[in-house]
Amino acid sequence: MSLSMSGHIDDVFESGEVTLIYSTGGYVGGIWQGGTPQTETYTATIQPLTDKELVNLLMGGQRILDSRKLYINDGNLALLKLGKDMQLLDEDWKIVSRDVRENRNYAKIVVVRYDDQ
């Protein structure tokens, strides 16, 4: 029996749209040829990180401006991979942690905005 979060996410928390930006491509003669950027839109619950999650994230040594935890229960969850870019709250974010399991119909991901300095 799989764990199902259908109908539970939107009841308590406010959800919004997030957009995943990715490109398809492949190697041609040993050289990467990037494809055209594509987008996938998801409905996600956006939440702050817990203190423990934030401390663990800051141990990486990069300057982080902001971080969020997203719960997504629709769309193609296999596309949510580490290092992919997302747009939410009118900003660009990067996926740094993901929990997508086959026996669940939802994903938990952590996204951050890095300091450009």
PDB file of N, CA and C in Angstrom:
ATOM      1  N   MET A   1       0.851  -1.176   0.000  1.00  0.00           N
ATOM      2  CA  MET A   1       0.000   0.000   0.000  1.00  0.00           C
ATOM      3  C   MET A   1       0.893   1.234   0.000  1.00  0.00           C
ATOM      4  N   SER A   2       0.594   2.171  -0.872  1.00  0.00           N
ATOM      5  CA  SER A   2       1.427   3.366  -0.957  1.00  0.00           C
ATOM      6  C   SER A   2       0.837   4.493  -0.116  1.00  0.00           C
ATOM      7  N   LEU A   3       1.721   5.367   0.299  1.00  0.00           N
ATOM      8  CA  LEU A   3       1.314   6.533   1.072  1.00  0.00           C
ATOM      9  C   LEU A   3       0.728   7.563   0.127  1.00  0.00           C
ATOM     10  N   SER A   4      -0.447   8.046   0.407  1.00  0.00           N
ATOM     11  CA  SER A   4      -1.125   8.999  -0.459  1.00  0.00           C
ATOM     12  C   SER A   4      -1.403  10.288   0.293  1.00  0.00           C
ATOM     13  N   MET A   5      -0.984  11.409  -0.305  1.00  0.00           N
ATOM     14  CA  MET A   5      -1.237  12.721   0.286  1.00  0.00           C
ATOM     15  C   MET A   5      -2.333  13.473  -0.471  1.00  0.00           C
ATOM     16  N   SER A   6      -2.994  12.812  -1.391  1.00  0.00           N
ATOM     17  CA  SER A   6      -4.047  13.466  -2.160  1.00  0.00           C
ATOM     18  C   SER A   6      -5.135  13.985  -1.240  1.00  0.00           C
ATOM     19  N   GLY A   7      -5.473  15.237  -1.415  1.00  0.00           N
ATOM     20  CA  GLY A   7      -6.526  15.841  -0.620  1.00  0.00           C
ATOM     21  C   GLY A   7      -6.076  16.369   0.721  1.00  0.00           C
ATOM     22  N   HIS A   8      -4.849  16.121   1.119  1.00  0.00           N
ATOM     23  CA  HIS A   8      -4.374  16.571   2.427  1.00  0.00           C
ATOM     24  C   HIS A   8      -3.559  17.856   2.355  1.00  0.00           C
ATOM     25  N   ILE A   9      -2.852  18.068   1.274  1.00  0.00           N
ATOM     26  CA  ILE A   9      -1.931  19.198   1.205  1.00  0.00           C
ATOM     27  C   ILE A   9      -2.681  20.523   1.172  1.00  0.00           C
ATOM     28  N   ASP A  10      -3.698  20.640   0.341  1.00  0.00           N
ATOM     29  CA  ASP A  10      -4.377  21.919   0.176  1.00  0.00           C
ATOM     30  C   ASP A  10      -5.355  22.247   1.296  1.00  0.00           C
ATOM     31  N   ASP A  11      -5.697  21.303   2.139  1.00  0.00           N
ATOM     32  CA  ASP A  11      -6.675  21.568   3.185  1.00  0.00           C
ATOM     33  C   ASP A  11      -6.156  22.532   4.248  1.00  0.00           C
ATOM     34  N   VAL A  12      -4.888  22.451   4.586  1.00  0.00           N
ATOM     35  CA  VAL A  12      -4.345  23.251   5.676  1.00  0.00           C
ATOM     36  C   VAL A  12      -3.450  24.373   5.170  1.00  0.00           C
ATOM     37  N   PHE A  13      -2.596  24.075   4.213  1.00  0.00           N
ATOM     38  CA  PHE A  13      -1.618  25.035   3.733  1.00  0.00           C
ATOM     39  C   PHE A  13      -2.060  25.647   2.413  1.00  0.00           C
ATOM     40  N   GLU A  14      -1.606  26.853   2.170  1.00  0.00           N
ATOM     41  CA  GLU A  14      -1.922  27.526   0.919  1.00  0.00           C
ATOM     42  C   GLU A  14      -0.963  27.058  -0.163  1.00  0.00           C
ATOM     43  N   SER A  15      -1.498  26.703  -1.317  1.00  0.00           N
ATOM     44  CA  SER A  15      -0.677  26.216  -2.420  1.00  0.00           C
ATOM     45  C   SER A  15      -0.544  27.281  -3.490  1.00  0.00           C
ATOM     46  N   GLY A  16       0.521  27.172  -4.255  1.00  0.00           N
ATOM     47  CA  GLY A  16       0.764  28.080  -5.367  1.00  0.00           C
ATOM     48  C   GLY A  16       1.425  27.325  -6.502  1.00  0.00           C
ATOM     49  N   GLU A  17       1.582  28.000  -7.619  1.00  0.00           N
ATOM     50  CA  GLU A  17       2.206  27.368  -8.771  1.00  0.00           C
ATOM     51  C   GLU A  17       3.706  27.588  -8.744  1.00  0.00           C
ATOM     52  N   VAL A  18       4.449  26.550  -9.080  1.00  0.00           N
ATOM     53  CA  VAL A  18       5.895  26.631  -9.260  1.00  0.00           C
ATOM     54  C   VAL A  18       6.199  26.066 -10.641  1.00  0.00           C
ATOM     55  N   THR A  19       7.230  26.598 -11.270  1.00  0.00           N
ATOM     56  CA  THR A  19       7.588  26.184 -12.615  1.00  0.00           C
ATOM     57  C   THR A  19       8.994  25.614 -12.625  1.00  0.00           C
ATOM     58  N   LEU A  20       9.139  24.409 -13.115  1.00  0.00           N
ATOM     59  CA  LEU A  20      10.436  23.768 -13.274  1.00  0.00           C
ATOM     60  C   LEU A  20      10.958  24.120 -14.656  1.00  0.00           C
ATOM     61  N   ILE A  21      12.226  24.525 -14.729  1.00  0.00           N
ATOM     62  CA  ILE A  21      12.851  24.868 -16.002  1.00  0.00           C
ATOM     63  C   ILE A  21      13.942  23.835 -16.270  1.00  0.00           C
ATOM     64  N   TYR A  22      13.861  23.157 -17.388  1.00  0.00           N
ATOM     65  CA  TYR A  22      14.860  22.147 -17.731  1.00  0.00           C
ATOM     66  C   TYR A  22      15.045  22.129 -19.241  1.00  0.00           C
ATOM     67  N   SER A  23      16.137  21.538 -19.676  1.00  0.00           N
ATOM     68  CA  SER A  23      16.364  21.414 -21.111  1.00  0.00           C
ATOM     69  C   SER A  23      16.758  19.983 -21.425  1.00  0.00           C
ATOM     70  N   THR A  24      16.326  19.541 -22.571  1.00  0.00           N
ATOM     71  CA  THR A  24      16.713  18.222 -23.031  1.00  0.00           C
ATOM     72  C   THR A  24      17.902  18.387 -23.966  1.00  0.00           C
ATOM     73  N   GLY A  25      18.669  17.399 -24.093  1.00  0.00           N
ATOM     74  CA  GLY A  25      19.837  17.445 -24.966  1.00  0.00           C
ATOM     75  C   GLY A  25      20.536  16.110 -24.933  1.00  0.00           C
ATOM     76  N   GLY A  26      21.680  16.069 -25.563  1.00  0.00           N
ATOM     77  CA  GLY A  26      22.432  14.826 -25.580  1.00  0.00           C
ATOM     78  C   GLY A  26      23.831  15.059 -26.094  1.00  0.00           C
ATOM     79  N   TYR A  27      24.625  14.025 -26.027  1.00  0.00           N
ATOM     80  CA  TYR A  27      26.002  14.095 -26.497  1.00  0.00           C
ATOM     81  C   TYR A  27      26.056  13.750 -27.983  1.00  0.00           C
ATOM     82  N   VAL A  28      26.724  14.614 -28.741  1.00  0.00           N
ATOM     83  CA  VAL A  28      26.940  14.379 -30.159  1.00  0.00           C
ATOM     84  C   VAL A  28      28.442  14.407 -30.386  1.00  0.00           C
ATOM     85  N   GLY A  29      29.005  13.277 -30.718  1.00  0.00           N
ATOM     86  CA  GLY A  29      30.450  13.195 -30.914  1.00  0.00           C
ATOM     87  C   GLY A  29      31.233  13.512 -29.651  1.00  0.00           C
ATOM     88  N   GLY A  30      30.678  13.182 -28.485  1.00  0.00           N
ATOM     89  CA  GLY A  30      31.356  13.428 -27.215  1.00  0.00           C
ATOM     90  C   GLY A  30      31.189  14.834 -26.680  1.00  0.00           C
ATOM     91  N   ILE A  31      30.425  15.675 -27.361  1.00  0.00           N
ATOM     92  CA  ILE A  31      30.202  17.064 -26.932  1.00  0.00           C
ATOM     93  C   ILE A  31      28.723  17.236 -26.610  1.00  0.00           C
ATOM     94  N   TRP A  32      28.440  17.828 -25.449  1.00  0.00           N
ATOM     95  CA  TRP A  32      27.057  18.047 -25.025  1.00  0.00           C
ATOM     96  C   TRP A  32      26.393  19.102 -25.898  1.00  0.00           C
ATOM     97  N   GLN A  33      25.268  18.771 -26.464  1.00  0.00           N
ATOM     98  CA  GLN A  33      24.460  19.696 -27.251  1.00  0.00           C
ATOM     99  C   GLN A  33      23.163  19.935 -26.487  1.00  0.00           C
ATOM    100  N   GLY A  34      23.040  21.117 -25.902  1.00  0.00           N
ATOM    101  CA  GLY A  34      21.850  21.453 -25.130  1.00  0.00           C
ATOM    102  C   GLY A  34      20.647  21.654 -26.023  1.00  0.00           C
ATOM    103  N   GLY A  35      19.508  21.280 -25.508  1.00  0.00           N
ATOM    104  CA  GLY A  35      18.271  21.464 -26.248  1.00  0.00           C
ATOM    105  C   GLY A  35      17.600  22.770 -25.855  1.00  0.00           C
ATOM    106  N   THR A  36      16.405  22.952 -26.314  1.00  0.00           N
ATOM    107  CA  THR A  36      15.668  24.161 -25.975  1.00  0.00           C
ATOM    108  C   THR A  36      15.109  24.042 -24.561  1.00  0.00           C
ATOM    109  N   PRO A  37      15.099  25.144 -23.820  1.00  0.00           N
ATOM    110  CA  PRO A  37      14.542  25.096 -22.456  1.00  0.00           C
ATOM    111  C   PRO A  37      13.052  24.756 -22.488  1.00  0.00           C
ATOM    112  N   GLN A  38      12.648  23.892 -21.568  1.00  0.00           N
ATOM    113  CA  GLN A  38      11.254  23.506 -21.443  1.00  0.00           C
ATOM    114  C   GLN A  38      10.799  23.776 -20.021  1.00  0.00           C
ATOM    115  N   THR A  39       9.502  23.894 -19.843  1.00  0.00           N
ATOM    116  CA  THR A  39       8.966  24.173 -18.509  1.00  0.00           C
ATOM    117  C   THR A  39       7.877  23.164 -18.158  1.00  0.00           C
ATOM    118  N   GLU A  40       7.737  22.936 -16.874  1.00  0.00           N
ATOM    119  CA  GLU A  40       6.676  22.081 -16.326  1.00  0.00           C
ATOM    120  C   GLU A  40       6.126  22.812 -15.107  1.00  0.00           C
ATOM    121  N   THR A  41       4.822  23.005 -15.045  1.00  0.00           N
ATOM    122  CA  THR A  41       4.207  23.729 -13.939  1.00  0.00           C
ATOM    123  C   THR A  41       3.564  22.742 -12.967  1.00  0.00           C
ATOM    124  N   TYR A  42       3.800  22.993 -11.677  1.00  0.00           N
ATOM    125  CA  TYR A  42       3.273  22.149 -10.608  1.00  0.00           C
ATOM    126  C   TYR A  42       2.505  23.015  -9.616  1.00  0.00           C
ATOM    127  N   THR A  43       1.583  22.402  -8.896  1.00  0.00           N
ATOM    128  CA  THR A  43       0.954  23.037  -7.751  1.00  0.00           C
ATOM    129  C   THR A  43       1.689  22.542  -6.518  1.00  0.00           C
ATOM    130  N   ALA A  44       2.192  23.477  -5.706  1.00  0.00           N
ATOM    131  CA  ALA A  44       3.026  23.091  -4.567  1.00  0.00           C
ATOM    132  C   ALA A  44       2.614  23.854  -3.325  1.00  0.00           C
ATOM    133  N   THR A  45       2.816  23.209  -2.191  1.00  0.00           N
ATOM    134  CA  THR A  45       2.688  23.866  -0.905  1.00  0.00           C
ATOM    135  C   THR A  45       4.073  24.359  -0.524  1.00  0.00           C
ATOM    136  N   ILE A  46       4.199  25.662  -0.295  1.00  0.00           N
ATOM    137  CA  ILE A  46       5.487  26.275   0.004  1.00  0.00           C
ATOM    138  C   ILE A  46       5.561  26.530   1.499  1.00  0.00           C
ATOM    139  N   GLN A  47       6.592  25.963   2.150  1.00  0.00           N
ATOM    140  CA  GLN A  47       6.740  26.087   3.596  1.00  0.00           C
ATOM    141  C   GLN A  47       8.171  26.469   3.942  1.00  0.00           C
ATOM    142  N   PRO A  48       8.379  27.088   5.094  1.00  0.00           N
ATOM    143  CA  PRO A  48       9.751  27.375   5.535  1.00  0.00           C
ATOM    144  C   PRO A  48      10.431  26.095   6.025  1.00  0.00           C
ATOM    145  N   LEU A  49      11.761  26.113   6.050  1.00  0.00           N
ATOM    146  CA  LEU A  49      12.512  24.983   6.582  1.00  0.00           C
ATOM    147  C   LEU A  49      12.488  25.009   8.101  1.00  0.00           C
ATOM    148  N   THR A  50      12.613  23.842   8.712  1.00  0.00           N
ATOM    149  CA  THR A  50      12.758  23.786  10.165  1.00  0.00           C
ATOM    150  C   THR A  50      14.175  24.234  10.521  1.00  0.00           C
ATOM    151  N   ASP A  51      14.406  24.537  11.788  1.00  0.00           N
ATOM    152  CA  ASP A  51      15.734  24.972  12.220  1.00  0.00           C
ATOM    153  C   ASP A  51      16.787  23.915  11.907  1.00  0.00           C
ATOM    154  N   LYS A  52      16.473  22.665  12.139  1.00  0.00           N
ATOM    155  CA  LYS A  52      17.427  21.584  11.887  1.00  0.00           C
ATOM    156  C   LYS A  52      17.745  21.469  10.402  1.00  0.00           C
ATOM    157  N   GLU A  53      16.728  21.560   9.555  1.00  0.00           N
ATOM    158  CA  GLU A  53      16.952  21.491   8.112  1.00  0.00           C
ATOM    159  C   GLU A  53      17.817  22.650   7.638  1.00  0.00           C
ATOM    160  N   LEU A  54      17.595  23.834   8.188  1.00  0.00           N
ATOM    161  CA  LEU A  54      18.367  25.006   7.796  1.00  0.00           C
ATOM    162  C   LEU A  54      19.823  24.886   8.228  1.00  0.00           C
ATOM    163  N   VAL A  55      20.069  24.412   9.442  1.00  0.00           N
ATOM    164  CA  VAL A  55      21.450  24.230   9.918  1.00  0.00           C
ATOM    165  C   VAL A  55      22.180  23.235   9.025  1.00  0.00           C
ATOM    166  N   ASN A  56      21.537  22.128   8.694  1.00  0.00           N
ATOM    167  CA  ASN A  56      22.157  21.135   7.817  1.00  0.00           C
ATOM    168  C   ASN A  56      22.447  21.707   6.437  1.00  0.00           C
ATOM    169  N   LEU A  57      21.577  22.553   5.941  1.00  0.00           N
ATOM    170  CA  LEU A  57      21.760  23.162   4.630  1.00  0.00           C
ATOM    171  C   LEU A  57      22.923  24.150   4.634  1.00  0.00           C
ATOM    172  N   LEU A  58      23.061  24.917   5.711  1.00  0.00           N
ATOM    173  CA  LEU A  58      24.124  25.918   5.795  1.00  0.00           C
ATOM    174  C   LEU A  58      25.500  25.296   5.994  1.00  0.00           C
ATOM    175  N   MET A  59      25.570  24.026   6.357  1.00  0.00           N
ATOM    176  CA  MET A  59      26.862  23.358   6.533  1.00  0.00           C
ATOM    177  C   MET A  59      27.601  23.196   5.215  1.00  0.00           C
ATOM    178  N   GLY A  60      26.920  23.397   4.099  1.00  0.00           N
ATOM    179  CA  GLY A  60      27.549  23.267   2.787  1.00  0.00           C
ATOM    180  C   GLY A  60      28.516  24.386   2.466  1.00  0.00           C
ATOM    181  N   GLY A  61      28.452  25.495   3.180  1.00  0.00           N
ATOM    182  CA  GLY A  61      29.405  26.577   2.997  1.00  0.00           C
ATOM    183  C   GLY A  61      29.022  27.616   1.966  1.00  0.00           C
ATOM    184  N   GLN A  62      27.903  27.470   1.278  1.00  0.00           N
ATOM    185  CA  GLN A  62      27.495  28.479   0.317  1.00  0.00           C
ATOM    186  C   GLN A  62      26.604  29.506   0.995  1.00  0.00           C
ATOM    187  N   ARG A  63      26.672  30.734   0.486  1.00  0.00           N
ATOM    188  CA  ARG A  63      25.836  31.801   1.039  1.00  0.00           C
ATOM    189  C   ARG A  63      24.439  31.686   0.450  1.00  0.00           C
ATOM    190  N   ILE A  64      23.485  31.413   1.308  1.00  0.00           N
ATOM    191  CA  ILE A  64      22.103  31.209   0.886  1.00  0.00           C
ATOM    192  C   ILE A  64      21.273  32.414   1.300  1.00  0.00           C
ATOM    193  N   LEU A  65      20.563  32.990   0.332  1.00  0.00           N
ATOM    194  CA  LEU A  65      19.684  34.121   0.626  1.00  0.00           C
ATOM    195  C   LEU A  65      18.364  33.669   1.235  1.00  0.00           C
ATOM    196  N   ASP A  66      17.817  32.589   0.710  1.00  0.00           N
ATOM    197  CA  ASP A  66      16.503  32.134   1.149  1.00  0.00           C
ATOM    198  C   ASP A  66      16.368  30.646   0.839  1.00  0.00           C
ATOM    199  N   SER A  67      15.541  29.976   1.591  1.00  0.00           N
ATOM    200  CA  SER A  67      15.303  28.554   1.352  1.00  0.00           C
ATOM    201  C   SER A  67      13.844  28.239   1.650  1.00  0.00           C
ATOM    202  N   ARG A  68      13.320  27.262   0.942  1.00  0.00           N
ATOM    203  CA  ARG A  68      11.935  26.841   1.123  1.00  0.00           C
ATOM    204  C   ARG A  68      11.833  25.333   0.937  1.00  0.00           C
ATOM    205  N   LYS A  69      10.783  24.781   1.514  1.00  0.00           N
ATOM    206  CA  LYS A  69      10.454  23.367   1.360  1.00  0.00           C
ATOM    207  C   LYS A  69       9.158  23.306   0.563  1.00  0.00           C
ATOM    208  N   LEU A  70       9.132  22.467  -0.466  1.00  0.00           N
ATOM    209  CA  LEU A  70       7.958  22.342  -1.320  1.00  0.00           C
ATOM    210  C   LEU A  70       7.414  20.923  -1.252  1.00  0.00           C
ATOM    211  N   TYR A  71       6.105  20.817  -1.158  1.00  0.00           N
ATOM    212  CA  TYR A  71       5.428  19.531  -1.268  1.00  0.00           C
ATOM    213  C   TYR A  71       4.590  19.581  -2.540  1.00  0.00           C
ATOM    214  N   ILE A  72       4.839  18.646  -3.441  1.00  0.00           N
ATOM    215  CA  ILE A  72       4.170  18.618  -4.742  1.00  0.00           C
ATOM    216  C   ILE A  72       3.476  17.273  -4.884  1.00  0.00           C
ATOM    217  N   ASN A  73       2.208  17.292  -5.277  1.00  0.00           N
ATOM    218  CA  ASN A  73       1.493  16.022  -5.452  1.00  0.00           C
ATOM    219  C   ASN A  73       0.796  15.917  -6.800  1.00  0.00           C
ATOM    220  N   ASP A  74       1.331  16.587  -7.808  1.00  0.00           N
ATOM    221  CA  ASP A  74       0.774  16.442  -9.146  1.00  0.00           C
ATOM    222  C   ASP A  74       1.889  16.576 -10.174  1.00  0.00           C
ATOM    223  N   GLY A  75       1.619  16.156 -11.381  1.00  0.00           N
ATOM    224  CA  GLY A  75       2.585  16.308 -12.464  1.00  0.00           C
ATOM    225  C   GLY A  75       3.619  15.190 -12.511  1.00  0.00           C
ATOM    226  N   ASN A  76       4.610  15.384 -13.361  1.00  0.00           N
ATOM    227  CA  ASN A  76       5.677  14.404 -13.563  1.00  0.00           C
ATOM    228  C   ASN A  76       6.751  14.600 -12.498  1.00  0.00           C
ATOM    229  N   LEU A  77       6.691  13.824 -11.432  1.00  0.00           N
ATOM    230  CA  LEU A  77       7.618  13.980 -10.315  1.00  0.00           C
ATOM    231  C   LEU A  77       9.029  13.529 -10.668  1.00  0.00           C
ATOM    232  N   ALA A  78       9.184  12.716 -11.705  1.00  0.00           N
ATOM    233  CA  ALA A  78      10.512  12.239 -12.100  1.00  0.00           C
ATOM    234  C   ALA A  78      11.391  13.371 -12.623  1.00  0.00           C
ATOM    235  N   LEU A  79      10.799  14.467 -13.069  1.00  0.00           N
ATOM    236  CA  LEU A  79      11.584  15.603 -13.573  1.00  0.00           C
ATOM    237  C   LEU A  79      12.238  16.409 -12.457  1.00  0.00           C
ATOM    238  N   LEU A  80      11.793  16.240 -11.224  1.00  0.00           N
ATOM    239  CA  LEU A  80      12.316  17.021 -10.098  1.00  0.00           C
ATOM    240  C   LEU A  80      13.649  16.435  -9.655  1.00  0.00           C
ATOM    241  N   LYS A  81      14.725  16.930 -10.239  1.00  0.00           N
ATOM    242  CA  LYS A  81      16.060  16.398  -9.950  1.00  0.00           C
ATOM    243  C   LYS A  81      16.946  17.478  -9.365  1.00  0.00           C
ATOM    244  N   LEU A  82      17.974  17.043  -8.647  1.00  0.00           N
ATOM    245  CA  LEU A  82      18.909  17.977  -8.020  1.00  0.00           C
ATOM    246  C   LEU A  82      19.565  18.865  -9.068  1.00  0.00           C
ATOM    247  N   GLY A  83      19.733  20.130  -8.721  1.00  0.00           N
ATOM    248  CA  GLY A  83      20.393  21.075  -9.609  1.00  0.00           C
ATOM    249  C   GLY A  83      19.490  21.740 -10.617  1.00  0.00           C
ATOM    250  N   LYS A  84      18.267  21.279 -10.753  1.00  0.00           N
ATOM    251  CA  LYS A  84      17.336  21.907 -11.698  1.00  0.00           C
ATOM    252  C   LYS A  84      16.878  23.255 -11.152  1.00  0.00           C
ATOM    253  N   ASP A  85      16.520  24.151 -12.058  1.00  0.00           N
ATOM    254  CA  ASP A  85      16.045  25.475 -11.675  1.00  0.00           C
ATOM    255  C   ASP A  85      14.530  25.495 -11.607  1.00  0.00           C
ATOM    256  N   MET A  86      14.021  26.290 -10.653  1.00  0.00           N
ATOM    257  CA  MET A  86      12.580  26.473 -10.503  1.00  0.00           C
ATOM    258  C   MET A  86      12.288  27.958 -10.374  1.00  0.00           C
ATOM    259  N   GLN A  87      11.085  28.339 -10.738  1.00  0.00           N
ATOM    260  CA  GLN A  87      10.618  29.699 -10.509  1.00  0.00           C
ATOM    261  C   GLN A  87       9.431  29.632  -9.568  1.00  0.00           C
ATOM    262  N   LEU A  88       9.565  30.347  -8.441  1.00  0.00           N
ATOM    263  CA  LEU A  88       8.459  30.502  -7.520  1.00  0.00           C
ATOM    264  C   LEU A  88       8.640  31.812  -6.793  1.00  0.00           C
ATOM    265  N   LEU A  89       7.544  32.402  -6.388  1.00  0.00           N
ATOM    266  CA  LEU A  89       7.554  33.704  -5.721  1.00  0.00           C
ATOM    267  C   LEU A  89       8.301  34.735  -6.556  1.00  0.00           C
ATOM    268  N   ASP A  90       8.166  34.652  -7.879  1.00  0.00           N
ATOM    269  CA  ASP A  90       8.799  35.571  -8.838  1.00  0.00           C
ATOM    270  C   ASP A  90      10.315  35.605  -8.723  1.00  0.00           C
ATOM    271  N   GLU A  91      10.932  34.520  -8.318  1.00  0.00           N
ATOM    272  CA  GLU A  91      12.393  34.414  -8.184  1.00  0.00           C
ATOM    273  C   GLU A  91      12.855  33.089  -8.785  1.00  0.00           C
ATOM    274  N   ASP A  92      14.169  33.006  -9.062  1.00  0.00           N
ATOM    275  CA  ASP A  92      14.773  31.762  -9.533  1.00  0.00           C
ATOM    276  C   ASP A  92      15.367  31.010  -8.354  1.00  0.00           C
ATOM    277  N   TRP A  93      15.098  29.722  -8.263  1.00  0.00           N
ATOM    278  CA  TRP A  93      15.541  28.868  -7.173  1.00  0.00           C
ATOM    279  C   TRP A  93      16.203  27.628  -7.753  1.00  0.00           C
ATOM    280  N   LYS A  94      17.007  26.936  -6.952  1.00  0.00           N
ATOM    281  CA  LYS A  94      17.668  25.708  -7.370  1.00  0.00           C
ATOM    282  C   LYS A  94      17.305  24.581  -6.402  1.00  0.00           C
ATOM    283  N   ILE A  95      17.018  23.406  -6.938  1.00  0.00           N
ATOM    284  CA  ILE A  95      16.696  22.241  -6.114  1.00  0.00           C
ATOM    285  C   ILE A  95      17.985  21.701  -5.501  1.00  0.00           C
ATOM    286  N   VAL A  96      18.030  21.606  -4.167  1.00  0.00           N
ATOM    287  CA  VAL A  96      19.222  21.097  -3.480  1.00  0.00           C
ATOM    288  C   VAL A  96      18.948  19.806  -2.710  1.00  0.00           C
ATOM    289  N   SER A  97      17.705  19.454  -2.517  1.00  0.00           N
ATOM    290  CA  SER A  97      17.356  18.218  -1.822  1.00  0.00           C
ATOM    291  C   SER A  97      16.012  17.740  -2.350  1.00  0.00           C
ATOM    292  N   ARG A  98      15.885  16.425  -2.482  1.00  0.00           N
ATOM    293  CA  ARG A  98      14.624  15.891  -2.994  1.00  0.00           C
ATOM    294  C   ARG A  98      14.317  14.564  -2.333  1.00  0.00           C
ATOM    295  N   ASP A  99      13.040  14.322  -2.151  1.00  0.00           N
ATOM    296  CA  ASP A  99      12.565  13.047  -1.622  1.00  0.00           C
ATOM    297  C   ASP A  99      11.381  12.628  -2.486  1.00  0.00           C
ATOM    298  N   VAL A 100      11.679  11.871  -3.525  1.00  0.00           N
ATOM    299  CA  VAL A 100      10.666  11.374  -4.450  1.00  0.00           C
ATOM    300  C   VAL A 100      10.765   9.857  -4.424  1.00  0.00           C
ATOM    301  N   ARG A 101       9.768   9.203  -3.876  1.00  0.00           N
ATOM    302  CA  ARG A 101       9.787   7.742  -3.753  1.00  0.00           C
ATOM    303  C   ARG A 101       8.685   7.130  -4.607  1.00  0.00           C
ATOM    304  N   GLU A 102       8.976   5.956  -5.120  1.00  0.00           N
ATOM    305  CA  GLU A 102       8.020   5.284  -6.006  1.00  0.00           C
ATOM    306  C   GLU A 102       6.726   4.907  -5.305  1.00  0.00           C
ATOM    307  N   ASN A 103       6.783   4.631  -4.006  1.00  0.00           N
ATOM    308  CA  ASN A 103       5.576   4.195  -3.308  1.00  0.00           C
ATOM    309  C   ASN A 103       4.750   5.364  -2.777  1.00  0.00           C
ATOM    310  N   ARG A 104       5.093   6.576  -3.169  1.00  0.00           N
ATOM    311  CA  ARG A 104       4.317   7.765  -2.789  1.00  0.00           C
ATOM    312  C   ARG A 104       3.849   8.489  -4.042  1.00  0.00           C
ATOM    313  N   ASN A 105       2.799   9.262  -3.897  1.00  0.00           N
ATOM    314  CA  ASN A 105       2.341  10.057  -5.029  1.00  0.00           C
ATOM    315  C   ASN A 105       2.595  11.542  -4.790  1.00  0.00           C
ATOM    316  N   TYR A 106       3.605  11.867  -3.990  1.00  0.00           N
ATOM    317  CA  TYR A 106       3.987  13.255  -3.773  1.00  0.00           C
ATOM    318  C   TYR A 106       5.501  13.339  -3.642  1.00  0.00           C
ATOM    319  N   ALA A 107       6.017  14.557  -3.760  1.00  0.00           N
ATOM    320  CA  ALA A 107       7.453  14.801  -3.633  1.00  0.00           C
ATOM    321  C   ALA A 107       7.688  15.901  -2.613  1.00  0.00           C
ATOM    322  N   LYS A 108       8.784  15.769  -1.877  1.00  0.00           N
ATOM    323  CA  LYS A 108       9.230  16.821  -0.960  1.00  0.00           C
ATOM    324  C   LYS A 108      10.586  17.281  -1.478  1.00  0.00           C
ATOM    325  N   ILE A 109      10.696  18.564  -1.811  1.00  0.00           N
ATOM    326  CA  ILE A 109      11.968  19.083  -2.293  1.00  0.00           C
ATOM    327  C   ILE A 109      12.323  20.345  -1.521  1.00  0.00           C
ATOM    328  N   VAL A 110      13.618  20.618  -1.438  1.00  0.00           N
ATOM    329  CA  VAL A 110      14.123  21.837  -0.809  1.00  0.00           C
ATOM    330  C   VAL A 110      14.778  22.663  -1.900  1.00  0.00           C
ATOM    331  N   VAL A 111      14.395  23.928  -1.978  1.00  0.00           N
ATOM    332  CA  VAL A 111      14.965  24.842  -2.965  1.00  0.00           C
ATOM    333  C   VAL A 111      15.621  26.015  -2.248  1.00  0.00           C
ATOM    334  N   VAL A 112      16.662  26.587  -2.872  1.00  0.00           N
ATOM    335  CA  VAL A 112      17.373  27.722  -2.281  1.00  0.00           C
ATOM    336  C   VAL A 112      17.631  28.782  -3.343  1.00  0.00           C
ATOM    337  N   ARG A 113      17.816  30.005  -2.857  1.00  0.00           N
ATOM    338  CA  ARG A 113      18.325  31.114  -3.679  1.00  0.00           C
ATOM    339  C   ARG A 113      19.710  31.426  -3.150  1.00  0.00           C
ATOM    340  N   TYR A 114      20.712  31.373  -4.021  1.00  0.00           N
ATOM    341  CA  TYR A 114      22.084  31.636  -3.609  1.00  0.00           C
ATOM    342  C   TYR A 114      22.413  33.111  -3.727  1.00  0.00           C
ATOM    343  N   ASP A 115      23.338  33.563  -2.881  1.00  0.00           N
ATOM    344  CA  ASP A 115      23.863  34.919  -2.952  1.00  0.00           C
ATOM    345  C   ASP A 115      24.845  34.975  -4.116  1.00  0.00           C
ATOM    346  N   ASP A 116      24.683  35.938  -5.013  1.00  0.00           N
ATOM    347  CA  ASP A 116      25.536  36.033  -6.197  1.00  0.00           C
ATOM    348  C   ASP A 116      26.902  36.640  -5.910  1.00  0.00           C
ATOM    349  N   GLN A 117      27.143  37.134  -4.713  1.00  0.00           N
ATOM    350  CA  GLN A 117      28.416  37.790  -4.412  1.00  0.00           C
ATOM    351  C   GLN A 117      29.548  36.812  -4.363  1.00  0.00           C
TER     352      GLN A 117
END
